[in-house]
Amino acid sequence: MKYSKMGTTIVLTVLMGLPGAGKSTLCETLASAASENPDLVDFIFIHVCFDTLIPLSLQEKFVEAKKAGVEDTAESWKQARQEVYLNVDELVSCLKTENYDSDVFKFFNVHRNCIGKDSRFVILLDDNFYYRSMRYEYYQLARKHTVGFMQMYIDINYNVAIKQNSNRTQRVPETVIQSMAEKFQPPKPTENRWEDPTFLTQSSDGTDLKGLWDMILLSMSSPVLPVENNEFEKEEARLICSRNVAHQADLYLRSLVGKTIKEDQKTGSKNNKDFAAQVNAARQSVMVSVRKGSLLFPPNIAENIDDTNRESFEKFLREEFKRNL
């Protein structure tokens, strides 16, 4: 199997799945198989293992702090992940400019003497990536540098993850896996164009390596291109939001309706029946804008709602709701 030397020499590959799915094992299998294939001898794998860069002991501290109600927990978690992101950004930039003397290579344990003149780079981003927004930021990074992008999803259920996690040297707490399983947002390439291509497998052992390699080579020959029309990107963000955020917006607005009506009943300042109709009309008006994509959310909440931006999301909706009352 030959690879094309057109396109790009770099592919950002996002691996996702529950803890214990076998993502790191798949990374090792992929690198080992490539070393035995003469057509792939120029490929260099850079394994970005988040559990190494953000140790499980530190992750557990974040979890415990969150349970204890420590306010800056989310911010600390975001900063730890942001450091990894910024280093990946610098890594891609250095690979493109062939600046192999940067300290960023030490950060990812990449040795200069491993890089040849015709090297091709597969950057394996090994994390759970259970929120779609976590994956989308790396798609945007691929767009920024005009390099390849793809996803690998090891789709296993909660019980299998628990069993396989029990065999690990460093085990992830079962409560963390359970919480992650409940929040996990699987890729939807048919709805989100940026999630195509995505390689799906149910096991790190029985993976179709040929199919996986074909997808890597396809991504390398078809890098993500910059968006020429910024209005198109804004419209795409609106549509993504209308699909992925509408349900959560509806749930929150319904709770806001109930709270608003109860507060009014305590004061008795308005006609209950008329005010209830007015409040519900305000909710419906906001939801119509959300579903049509005409309500432009701020960038940090336009793609997905998670623990890091829920407060901003609810504040934005409250303000829109008040404007429609």
Protein backbone atom coordinates (compact mmCIF):
# COMPACT_ATOMS: atom_id res chain seq x y z
CA MET A 1 0.00 0.00 0.00
CA LYS A 2 1.57 3.25 -1.12
CA TYR A 3 0.83 6.66 0.36
CA SER A 4 0.44 9.88 -1.53
CA LYS A 5 3.02 12.61 -1.02
CA MET A 6 0.41 15.20 -1.87
CA GLY A 7 -1.62 16.94 0.79
CA THR A 8 0.04 17.07 4.18
CA THR A 9 2.64 15.15 6.14
CA ILE A 10 0.73 15.46 9.43
CA VAL A 11 -2.50 13.94 10.72
CA LEU A 12 -4.11 14.79 14.04
CA THR A 13 -5.82 11.60 15.18
CA VAL A 14 -8.27 11.84 18.06
CA LEU A 15 -8.83 8.59 19.96
CA MET A 16 -11.94 8.42 22.10
CA GLY A 17 -13.57 5.88 24.36
CA LEU A 18 -14.21 5.09 28.00
CA PRO A 19 -11.29 4.41 30.36
CA GLY A 20 -10.20 0.82 29.83
CA ALA A 21 -11.36 0.73 26.20
CA GLY A 22 -7.82 -0.02 24.99
CA LYS A 23 -6.88 3.28 23.36
CA SER A 24 -3.22 3.13 24.41
CA THR A 25 -3.05 -0.52 23.32
CA LEU A 26 -4.38 0.45 19.91
CA CYS A 27 -1.72 3.18 19.64
CA GLU A 28 1.01 0.61 20.35
CA THR A 29 -0.49 -1.90 17.90
CA LEU A 30 -0.68 0.70 15.17
CA ALA A 31 2.94 1.81 15.59
CA SER A 32 4.16 -1.79 15.74
CA ALA A 33 2.26 -2.79 12.59
CA ALA A 34 3.62 0.22 10.70
CA SER A 35 7.22 -0.65 11.62
CA GLU A 36 6.75 -4.05 9.96
CA ASN A 37 5.33 -2.59 6.73
CA PRO A 38 8.02 -1.36 4.26
CA ASP A 39 5.50 1.01 2.63
CA LEU A 40 5.01 2.79 5.97
CA VAL A 41 8.60 2.97 7.16
CA ASP A 42 8.62 6.79 6.97
CA PHE A 43 5.71 7.15 9.40
CA ILE A 44 6.47 8.47 12.87
CA PHE A 45 3.90 8.11 15.64
CA ILE A 46 3.76 10.73 18.35
CA HIS A 47 1.72 9.35 21.22
CA VAL A 48 0.10 12.16 23.18
CA CYS A 49 -1.17 10.24 26.20
CA PHE A 50 -3.23 12.56 28.40
CA ASP A 51 -3.00 10.14 31.36
CA THR A 52 0.77 10.61 31.25
CA LEU A 53 0.73 14.36 30.75
CA ILE A 54 -2.09 14.82 33.28
CA PRO A 55 -1.43 11.93 35.72
CA LEU A 56 -4.37 9.95 37.09
CA SER A 57 -3.39 11.01 40.62
CA LEU A 58 -3.91 14.64 39.60
CA GLN A 59 -7.16 13.79 37.81
CA GLU A 60 -8.44 12.13 40.99
CA LYS A 61 -7.64 15.30 42.92
CA PHE A 62 -9.73 17.28 40.44
CA VAL A 63 -12.63 14.85 40.95
CA GLU A 64 -12.40 14.99 44.74
CA ALA A 65 -12.15 18.79 44.70
CA LYS A 66 -15.26 18.98 42.52
CA LYS A 67 -17.17 16.75 44.95
CA ALA A 68 -16.08 19.01 47.79
CA GLY A 69 -17.41 22.03 45.94
CA VAL A 70 -14.06 23.72 45.33
CA GLU A 71 -14.88 26.57 42.97
CA ASP A 72 -11.70 26.68 40.91
CA THR A 73 -11.71 22.93 40.09
CA ALA A 74 -13.16 23.34 36.59
CA GLU A 75 -10.73 26.15 35.85
CA SER A 76 -7.74 24.06 37.02
CA TRP A 77 -8.87 21.14 34.88
CA LYS A 78 -9.27 23.41 31.87
CA GLN A 79 -5.79 24.86 32.41
CA ALA A 80 -4.20 21.39 32.55
CA ARG A 81 -5.86 20.40 29.27
CA GLN A 82 -5.08 23.78 27.74
CA GLU A 83 -1.37 23.23 28.39
CA VAL A 84 -1.52 20.00 26.39
CA TYR A 85 -3.43 21.73 23.60
CA LEU A 86 -0.93 24.59 23.36
CA ASN A 87 1.96 22.14 23.17
CA VAL A 88 0.23 20.17 20.41
CA ASP A 89 -0.29 23.46 18.58
CA GLU A 90 3.43 24.26 18.85
CA LEU A 91 4.36 20.70 17.88
CA VAL A 92 2.36 20.87 14.64
CA SER A 93 3.86 24.27 13.85
CA CYS A 94 7.41 22.96 14.40
CA LEU A 95 6.79 19.87 12.28
CA LYS A 96 5.47 22.00 9.43
CA THR A 97 8.45 24.36 9.52
CA GLU A 98 10.92 21.52 10.20
CA ASN A 99 12.07 23.24 13.38
CA TYR A 100 13.10 20.09 15.21
CA ASP A 101 15.15 21.81 17.91
CA SER A 102 12.18 23.12 19.88
CA ASP A 103 11.72 22.07 23.52
CA VAL A 104 8.23 20.89 22.59
CA PHE A 105 9.74 17.63 21.31
CA LYS A 106 11.04 16.93 24.82
CA PHE A 107 7.56 17.53 26.17
CA PHE A 108 6.25 14.71 23.97
CA ASN A 109 9.41 12.58 24.26
CA VAL A 110 10.20 12.74 20.54
CA HIS A 111 13.86 12.26 19.59
CA ARG A 112 15.34 14.37 16.79
CA ASN A 113 17.32 11.44 15.35
CA CYS A 114 14.07 9.55 14.68
CA ILE A 115 12.92 12.15 12.15
CA GLY A 116 13.99 11.63 8.55
CA LYS A 117 13.79 13.77 5.44
CA ASP A 118 10.57 12.14 4.19
CA SER A 119 8.94 11.52 7.55
CA ARG A 120 5.17 11.50 7.90
CA PHE A 121 3.67 12.20 11.31
CA VAL A 122 0.62 10.66 12.93
CA ILE A 123 -0.13 12.49 16.17
CA LEU A 124 -2.22 10.15 18.33
CA LEU A 125 -4.27 12.18 20.80
CA ASP A 126 -5.02 9.52 23.39
CA ASP A 127 -7.77 10.66 25.75
CA ASN A 128 -11.40 9.85 26.55
CA PHE A 129 -12.70 12.92 24.64
CA TYR A 130 -16.21 12.18 25.89
CA TYR A 131 -17.50 15.67 25.06
CA ARG A 132 -17.76 16.61 21.40
CA SER A 133 -16.39 20.06 22.19
CA MET A 134 -13.11 18.47 23.35
CA ARG A 135 -12.67 16.90 19.92
CA TYR A 136 -13.85 19.92 17.97
CA GLU A 137 -11.03 22.13 19.26
CA TYR A 138 -8.49 19.76 17.70
CA TYR A 139 -10.42 19.82 14.43
CA GLN A 140 -10.08 23.61 14.55
CA LEU A 141 -6.36 23.17 15.21
CA ALA A 142 -6.08 20.97 12.11
CA ARG A 143 -7.89 23.68 10.16
CA LYS A 144 -5.54 26.34 11.54
CA HIS A 145 -2.45 24.46 10.28
CA THR A 146 -4.08 22.85 7.21
CA VAL A 147 -3.20 19.32 8.30
CA GLY A 148 -5.16 16.08 8.33
CA PHE A 149 -7.78 15.21 10.94
CA MET A 150 -9.60 12.01 11.83
CA GLN A 151 -11.15 10.24 14.80
CA MET A 152 -10.84 6.69 16.14
CA TYR A 153 -13.66 5.55 18.40
CA ILE A 154 -13.37 2.37 20.49
CA ASP A 155 -17.04 1.79 21.27
CA ILE A 156 -17.37 -0.46 24.32
CA ASN A 157 -20.12 -0.47 26.93
CA TYR A 158 -19.82 0.42 30.59
CA ASN A 159 -19.55 -3.16 31.88
CA VAL A 160 -16.71 -4.05 29.50
CA ALA A 161 -14.90 -0.84 30.42
CA ILE A 162 -15.17 -1.67 34.13
CA LYS A 163 -13.83 -5.19 33.58
CA GLN A 164 -10.90 -4.06 31.43
CA ASN A 165 -10.12 -1.16 33.76
CA SER A 166 -9.75 -3.64 36.65
CA ASN A 167 -6.80 -5.20 34.79
CA ARG A 168 -4.91 -1.92 34.52
CA THR A 169 -1.95 -1.05 36.74
CA GLN A 170 -3.45 2.38 37.37
CA ARG A 171 -7.21 1.99 37.72
CA VAL A 172 -9.70 4.76 37.11
CA PRO A 173 -12.35 4.94 39.87
CA GLU A 174 -15.59 3.22 38.79
CA THR A 175 -17.59 6.32 39.68
CA VAL A 176 -15.56 8.30 37.15
CA ILE A 177 -16.19 5.71 34.41
CA GLN A 178 -19.90 5.65 35.23
CA SER A 179 -20.14 9.44 35.10
CA MET A 180 -18.24 9.53 31.83
CA ALA A 181 -20.43 6.83 30.30
CA GLU A 182 -23.54 8.87 31.13
CA LYS A 183 -22.09 12.02 29.57
CA PHE A 184 -20.36 10.41 26.58
CA GLN A 185 -21.23 12.00 23.24
CA PRO A 186 -20.39 9.50 20.48
CA PRO A 187 -19.33 10.84 17.07
CA LYS A 188 -22.09 11.58 14.56
CA PRO A 189 -20.39 12.04 11.16
CA THR A 190 -23.72 12.19 9.31
CA GLU A 191 -24.82 15.19 11.39
CA ASN A 192 -21.47 16.92 11.95
CA ARG A 193 -19.39 17.10 8.79
CA TRP A 194 -16.20 17.77 10.72
CA GLU A 195 -16.47 14.35 12.42
CA ASP A 196 -15.94 12.61 9.09
CA PRO A 197 -13.76 10.57 8.80
CA THR A 198 -14.26 8.53 11.97
CA PHE A 199 -12.99 4.97 12.35
CA LEU A 200 -15.22 2.82 14.57
CA THR A 201 -14.15 -0.37 16.33
CA GLN A 202 -15.51 -2.41 19.24
CA SER A 203 -12.10 -3.68 20.36
CA SER A 204 -8.47 -2.61 20.35
CA ASP A 205 -7.49 -6.23 19.65
CA GLY A 206 -9.64 -7.07 16.65
CA THR A 207 -9.25 -3.76 14.83
CA ASP A 208 -9.25 -3.77 11.04
CA LEU A 209 -5.76 -2.28 10.67
CA LYS A 210 -5.95 -2.09 6.89
CA GLY A 211 -9.18 -0.10 7.08
CA LEU A 212 -7.65 2.11 9.73
CA TRP A 213 -4.54 2.73 7.64
CA ASP A 214 -6.67 3.58 4.62
CA MET A 215 -8.43 6.23 6.69
CA ILE A 216 -5.15 7.67 8.00
CA LEU A 217 -3.80 7.92 4.45
CA LEU A 218 -7.03 9.48 3.24
CA SER A 219 -6.81 12.10 5.99
CA MET A 220 -3.22 12.80 5.06
CA SER A 221 -4.12 13.32 1.41
CA SER A 222 -7.10 15.53 2.31
CA PRO A 223 -6.05 18.09 4.94
CA VAL A 224 -8.61 20.35 6.58
CA LEU A 225 -8.72 23.57 4.59
CA PRO A 226 -9.12 27.05 6.07
CA VAL A 227 -12.58 28.59 5.93
CA GLU A 228 -12.56 31.33 3.31
CA ASN A 229 -15.94 32.73 4.25
CA ASN A 230 -16.22 33.55 7.95
CA GLU A 231 -19.99 33.87 7.64
CA PHE A 232 -20.14 30.23 6.56
CA GLU A 233 -18.27 29.22 9.71
CA LYS A 234 -20.66 31.23 11.87
CA GLU A 235 -23.63 29.62 10.19
CA GLU A 236 -22.12 26.18 10.69
CA ALA A 237 -21.66 26.96 14.39
CA ARG A 238 -25.30 28.05 14.63
CA LEU A 239 -26.51 24.83 13.07
CA ILE A 240 -24.28 22.69 15.28
CA CYS A 241 -25.64 24.50 18.28
CA SER A 242 -29.26 24.06 17.19
CA ARG A 243 -28.75 20.30 16.95
CA ASN A 244 -26.60 19.62 20.00
CA VAL A 245 -27.72 22.24 22.47
CA ALA A 246 -31.46 22.62 21.84
CA HIS A 247 -32.45 19.79 24.17
CA GLN A 248 -30.44 21.15 27.10
CA ALA A 249 -31.71 24.66 26.41
CA ASP A 250 -35.30 23.42 26.48
CA LEU A 251 -34.77 21.62 29.80
CA TYR A 252 -33.21 24.66 31.41
CA LEU A 253 -35.81 27.09 30.08
CA ARG A 254 -38.64 24.88 31.35
CA SER A 255 -37.09 24.91 34.81
CA LEU A 256 -36.69 28.68 34.50
CA VAL A 257 -40.37 29.03 33.61
CA GLY A 258 -41.40 27.13 36.74
CA LYS A 259 -39.07 29.18 38.93
CA THR A 260 -40.28 32.49 37.46
CA ILE A 261 -43.94 31.62 37.96
CA LYS A 262 -43.35 30.49 41.56
CA GLU A 263 -41.52 33.70 42.38
CA ASP A 264 -44.40 35.74 40.96
CA GLN A 265 -46.96 33.73 42.95
CA LYS A 266 -45.14 34.64 46.16
CA THR A 267 -45.43 38.36 45.44
CA GLY A 268 -48.89 38.17 43.84
CA SER A 269 -47.98 41.13 41.65
CA LYS A 270 -49.51 39.79 38.43
CA ASN A 271 -52.48 37.82 37.18
CA ASN A 272 -51.29 34.22 37.51
CA LYS A 273 -52.97 32.89 34.38
CA ASP A 274 -51.92 35.74 32.11
CA PHE A 275 -48.37 35.82 33.48
CA ALA A 276 -47.94 32.06 33.05
CA ALA A 277 -48.97 32.37 29.41
CA GLN A 278 -46.54 35.27 28.94
CA VAL A 279 -43.67 33.33 30.52
CA ASN A 280 -44.32 30.25 28.38
CA ALA A 281 -44.50 32.42 25.27
CA ALA A 282 -41.06 33.84 26.13
CA ARG A 283 -39.67 30.31 26.48
CA GLN A 284 -41.12 29.24 23.15
CA SER A 285 -39.76 32.34 21.43
CA VAL A 286 -36.22 31.62 22.65
CA MET A 287 -36.49 27.94 21.66
CA VAL A 288 -37.62 28.84 18.13
CA SER A 289 -34.49 30.98 17.74
CA VAL A 290 -32.30 28.18 19.12
CA ARG A 291 -33.72 25.53 16.78
CA LYS A 292 -33.57 27.79 13.72
CA GLY A 293 -29.97 28.68 14.51
CA SER A 294 -30.74 32.39 14.52
CA LEU A 295 -29.70 32.80 18.15
CA LEU A 296 -25.94 33.23 18.02
CA PHE A 297 -24.38 31.73 21.15
CA PRO A 298 -20.94 32.92 22.34
CA PRO A 299 -18.05 30.85 20.89
CA ASN A 300 -17.34 29.04 24.16
CA ILE A 301 -20.84 27.52 24.22
CA ALA A 302 -21.69 27.36 20.52
CA GLU A 303 -20.60 23.74 20.04
CA ASN A 304 -21.45 21.87 23.20
CA ILE A 305 -22.49 22.27 26.82
CA ASP A 306 -20.39 20.60 29.49
CA ASP A 307 -19.30 21.16 33.08
CA THR A 308 -16.85 23.88 32.06
CA ASN A 309 -19.33 26.22 30.37
CA ARG A 310 -22.77 25.35 31.80
CA GLU A 311 -22.87 28.46 34.00
CA SER A 312 -22.21 30.72 30.99
CA PHE A 313 -24.81 28.81 28.98
CA GLU A 314 -27.52 29.28 31.62
CA LYS A 315 -26.67 32.95 32.13
CA PHE A 316 -26.93 33.58 28.37
CA LEU A 317 -30.34 31.88 28.23
CA ARG A 318 -31.61 33.78 31.27
CA GLU A 319 -30.78 37.07 29.59
CA GLU A 320 -32.48 36.01 26.34
CA PHE A 321 -35.49 34.81 28.30
CA LYS A 322 -35.82 38.15 30.12
CA ARG A 323 -35.59 40.03 26.83
CA ASN A 324 -38.54 38.07 25.52
CA LEU A 325 -40.76 38.58 28.57
